[in-house]
């Protein structure tokens, strides 16, 4: 093999690697699967430690009065800079009686159509769809549209969310 052929092969190999990385990055940017750091049932302390490398900053605060049905105590970690759907976001990790129960990830209204399309591609047809929400009960995930957010929730509140989504559909 001459030097020109060798350089061309190296250039092609480098370009293939760059293209492969770019395609993988684009796929990750549109990934709406439940982020792997979310561990429903984990304590506030466990999640604070787990989120250390995912947040530019974290704030833990109590939520008074508790709004999660059946919870005697509620708190929240606000995680600034959480990477989701191709951008750094504010993510709210909500705890009922010190067990991670709900995660809200704030998005932008301008992303709504792309987010809904990504959720449908990932989770299939929605279980509930209204002007305010698109929900995927089987995956315990939803998109809130009035306040743009992605939602992931634990099995412990699934029945409450299903009832809420059912009511939303009935009310439209």
Protein backbone atom coordinates (compact mmCIF):
# COMPACT_ATOMS: atom_id res chain seq x y z
CA UNK A 1 0.00 0.00 0.00
CA UNK A 2 1.39 3.41 -0.88
CA UNK A 3 1.39 6.42 1.43
CA UNK A 4 -1.49 8.13 -0.42
CA UNK A 5 -3.77 5.08 0.00
CA UNK A 6 -2.77 4.79 3.64
CA UNK A 7 -3.62 8.46 4.30
CA UNK A 8 -6.95 8.12 2.50
CA UNK A 9 -7.86 5.06 4.60
CA UNK A 10 -6.91 6.87 7.79
CA UNK A 11 -8.96 9.91 6.73
CA UNK A 12 -11.95 7.69 5.93
CA UNK A 13 -11.57 5.89 9.25
CA UNK A 14 -11.41 9.18 11.14
CA UNK A 15 -14.43 10.54 9.27
CA UNK A 16 -16.39 7.35 9.97
CA UNK A 17 -15.58 7.67 13.67
CA UNK A 18 -16.66 11.33 13.73
CA UNK A 19 -19.89 10.50 11.87
CA UNK A 20 -20.58 7.56 14.16
CA UNK A 21 -20.07 9.74 17.24
CA UNK A 22 -22.26 12.49 15.80
CA UNK A 23 -25.06 10.03 15.05
CA UNK A 24 -24.78 8.52 18.54
CA UNK A 25 -24.87 12.02 20.04
CA UNK A 26 -27.98 12.89 18.04
CA UNK A 27 -29.67 9.69 19.21
CA UNK A 28 -28.79 10.48 22.83
CA UNK A 29 -30.03 14.05 22.41
CA UNK A 30 -33.49 12.73 21.53
CA UNK A 31 -33.52 9.88 24.06
CA UNK A 32 -36.62 10.10 26.26
CA UNK A 33 -36.23 6.81 28.09
CA UNK A 34 -36.32 7.30 31.85
CA UNK A 35 -32.84 8.64 32.65
CA UNK A 36 -30.75 5.92 34.27
CA UNK A 37 -29.90 8.00 37.34
CA UNK A 38 -33.58 7.95 38.36
CA UNK A 39 -33.96 5.28 41.04
CA UNK A 40 -37.52 5.29 42.34
CA UNK A 41 -37.65 4.50 46.04
CA UNK A 42 -34.16 5.91 46.69
CA UNK A 43 -33.76 8.30 49.62
CA UNK A 44 -32.98 11.99 49.34
CA UNK A 45 -29.42 11.34 50.55
CA UNK A 46 -28.92 8.55 48.01
CA UNK A 47 -30.21 10.67 45.14
CA UNK A 48 -28.21 13.74 46.22
CA UNK A 49 -25.06 11.62 45.96
CA UNK A 50 -26.16 9.95 42.70
CA UNK A 51 -26.95 13.33 41.08
CA UNK A 52 -23.59 14.89 42.00
CA UNK A 53 -22.16 14.48 38.49
CA UNK A 54 -25.49 15.20 36.73
CA UNK A 55 -26.26 18.62 38.22
CA UNK A 56 -24.42 21.92 37.99
CA UNK A 57 -26.06 22.66 41.34
CA UNK A 58 -28.56 20.98 43.66
CA UNK A 59 -30.99 22.43 46.17
CA UNK A 60 -32.96 20.28 48.60
CA UNK A 61 -36.16 21.79 49.97
CA UNK A 62 -39.25 20.67 51.86
CA UNK A 63 -42.66 20.86 50.16
CA UNK A 64 -45.35 22.03 52.56
CA UNK A 65 -47.99 20.76 52.70
CA UNK A 66 -47.26 17.42 51.01
CA UNK A 67 -49.16 17.12 47.72
CA UNK A 68 -48.51 13.45 46.99
CA UNK A 69 -51.49 11.36 48.11
CA UNK A 70 -50.72 9.43 51.29
CA UNK A 71 -47.41 11.18 51.98
CA UNK A 72 -46.85 12.60 55.46
CA UNK A 73 -43.66 14.37 54.34
CA UNK A 74 -42.55 15.63 50.93
CA UNK A 75 -39.26 17.09 49.76
CA UNK A 76 -37.63 17.90 46.46
CA UNK A 77 -34.17 18.13 44.93
CA UNK A 78 -33.91 20.84 42.29
CA UNK A 79 -31.12 19.78 39.92
CA UNK A 80 -29.91 22.58 37.64
CA UNK A 81 -28.13 21.63 34.43
CA UNK A 82 -29.58 18.12 34.13
CA UNK A 83 -28.89 16.90 30.58
CA UNK A 84 -32.12 15.80 28.87
CA UNK A 85 -33.41 15.89 25.30
CA UNK A 86 -30.29 17.66 24.05
CA UNK A 87 -30.08 20.50 26.56
CA UNK A 88 -29.30 21.28 30.19
CA UNK A 89 -32.56 21.45 32.19
CA UNK A 90 -33.98 22.01 35.61
CA UNK A 91 -35.07 18.61 36.94
CA UNK A 92 -37.21 18.26 40.06
CA UNK A 93 -36.76 15.01 41.99
CA UNK A 94 -39.78 14.70 44.32
CA UNK A 95 -39.76 12.47 47.42
CA UNK A 96 -42.72 11.15 49.42
CA UNK A 97 -41.68 10.09 52.91
CA UNK A 98 -38.03 10.13 51.75
CA UNK A 99 -38.56 7.84 48.76
CA UNK A 100 -38.09 9.17 45.21
CA UNK A 101 -41.56 9.12 43.68
CA UNK A 102 -41.80 11.67 40.84
CA UNK A 103 -39.34 13.37 38.48
CA UNK A 104 -40.30 16.45 36.48
CA UNK A 105 -37.87 17.71 33.84
CA UNK A 106 -38.65 21.17 32.54
CA UNK A 107 -38.63 21.57 28.77
CA UNK A 108 -39.49 24.36 26.33
CA UNK A 109 -42.86 24.92 24.66
CA UNK A 110 -41.06 25.10 21.29
CA UNK A 111 -39.93 21.47 21.79
CA UNK A 112 -43.41 20.07 22.42
CA UNK A 113 -43.99 18.46 19.01
CA UNK A 114 -40.52 16.91 18.90
CA UNK A 115 -40.88 15.68 22.49
CA UNK A 116 -44.28 14.10 21.80
CA UNK A 117 -42.88 12.45 18.65
CA UNK A 118 -39.89 11.09 20.61
CA UNK A 119 -42.15 9.76 23.39
CA UNK A 120 -44.39 8.05 20.81
CA UNK A 121 -41.38 6.55 19.03
CA UNK A 122 -40.06 5.26 22.37
CA UNK A 123 -43.23 4.27 24.27
CA UNK A 124 -45.80 3.69 21.49
CA UNK A 125 -49.25 5.22 21.31
CA UNK A 126 -50.24 7.31 24.33
CA UNK A 127 -52.72 5.96 26.86
CA UNK A 128 -54.18 9.45 27.30
CA UNK A 129 -53.94 12.57 25.15
CA UNK A 130 -55.45 15.99 25.75
CA UNK A 131 -54.45 19.59 25.10
CA UNK A 132 -52.70 19.59 28.49
CA UNK A 133 -51.05 16.14 28.63
CA UNK A 134 -49.81 13.21 26.58
CA UNK A 135 -49.45 10.22 28.89
CA UNK A 136 -47.94 6.76 28.51
CA UNK A 137 -49.29 4.96 31.57
CA UNK A 138 -47.65 1.64 30.73
CA UNK A 139 -44.24 3.33 30.85
CA UNK A 140 -45.15 5.65 33.75
CA UNK A 141 -44.17 8.68 31.66
CA UNK A 142 -45.97 11.76 30.39
CA UNK A 143 -45.56 15.15 28.83
CA UNK A 144 -47.23 18.13 30.43
CA UNK A 145 -48.00 20.82 27.87
CA UNK A 146 -49.49 23.73 29.87
CA UNK A 147 -46.21 23.97 31.82
CA UNK A 148 -43.74 22.25 29.47
CA UNK A 149 -42.32 19.28 31.38
CA UNK A 150 -41.51 15.62 30.97
CA UNK A 151 -42.73 13.40 33.80
CA UNK A 152 -41.54 10.03 35.10
CA UNK A 153 -43.27 8.50 38.12
CA UNK A 154 -43.00 5.45 40.35
CA UNK A 155 -45.36 2.51 40.60
CA UNK A 156 -46.40 3.77 44.04
CA UNK A 157 -48.30 6.71 42.48
CA UNK A 158 -49.28 5.08 39.17
CA UNK A 159 -52.94 4.55 40.17
CA UNK A 160 -53.24 8.21 41.19
CA UNK A 161 -51.76 9.38 37.91
CA UNK A 162 -53.98 7.01 35.89
CA UNK A 163 -57.04 8.43 37.67
CA UNK A 164 -55.81 11.99 37.00
CA UNK A 165 -55.20 11.22 33.31
CA UNK A 166 -58.62 9.55 33.02
CA UNK A 167 -60.22 12.68 34.52
CA UNK A 168 -58.31 14.92 32.11
CA UNK A 169 -59.68 12.95 29.15
CA UNK A 170 -63.24 12.98 30.60
CA UNK A 171 -63.08 16.75 31.14
CA UNK A 172 -62.10 17.65 27.58
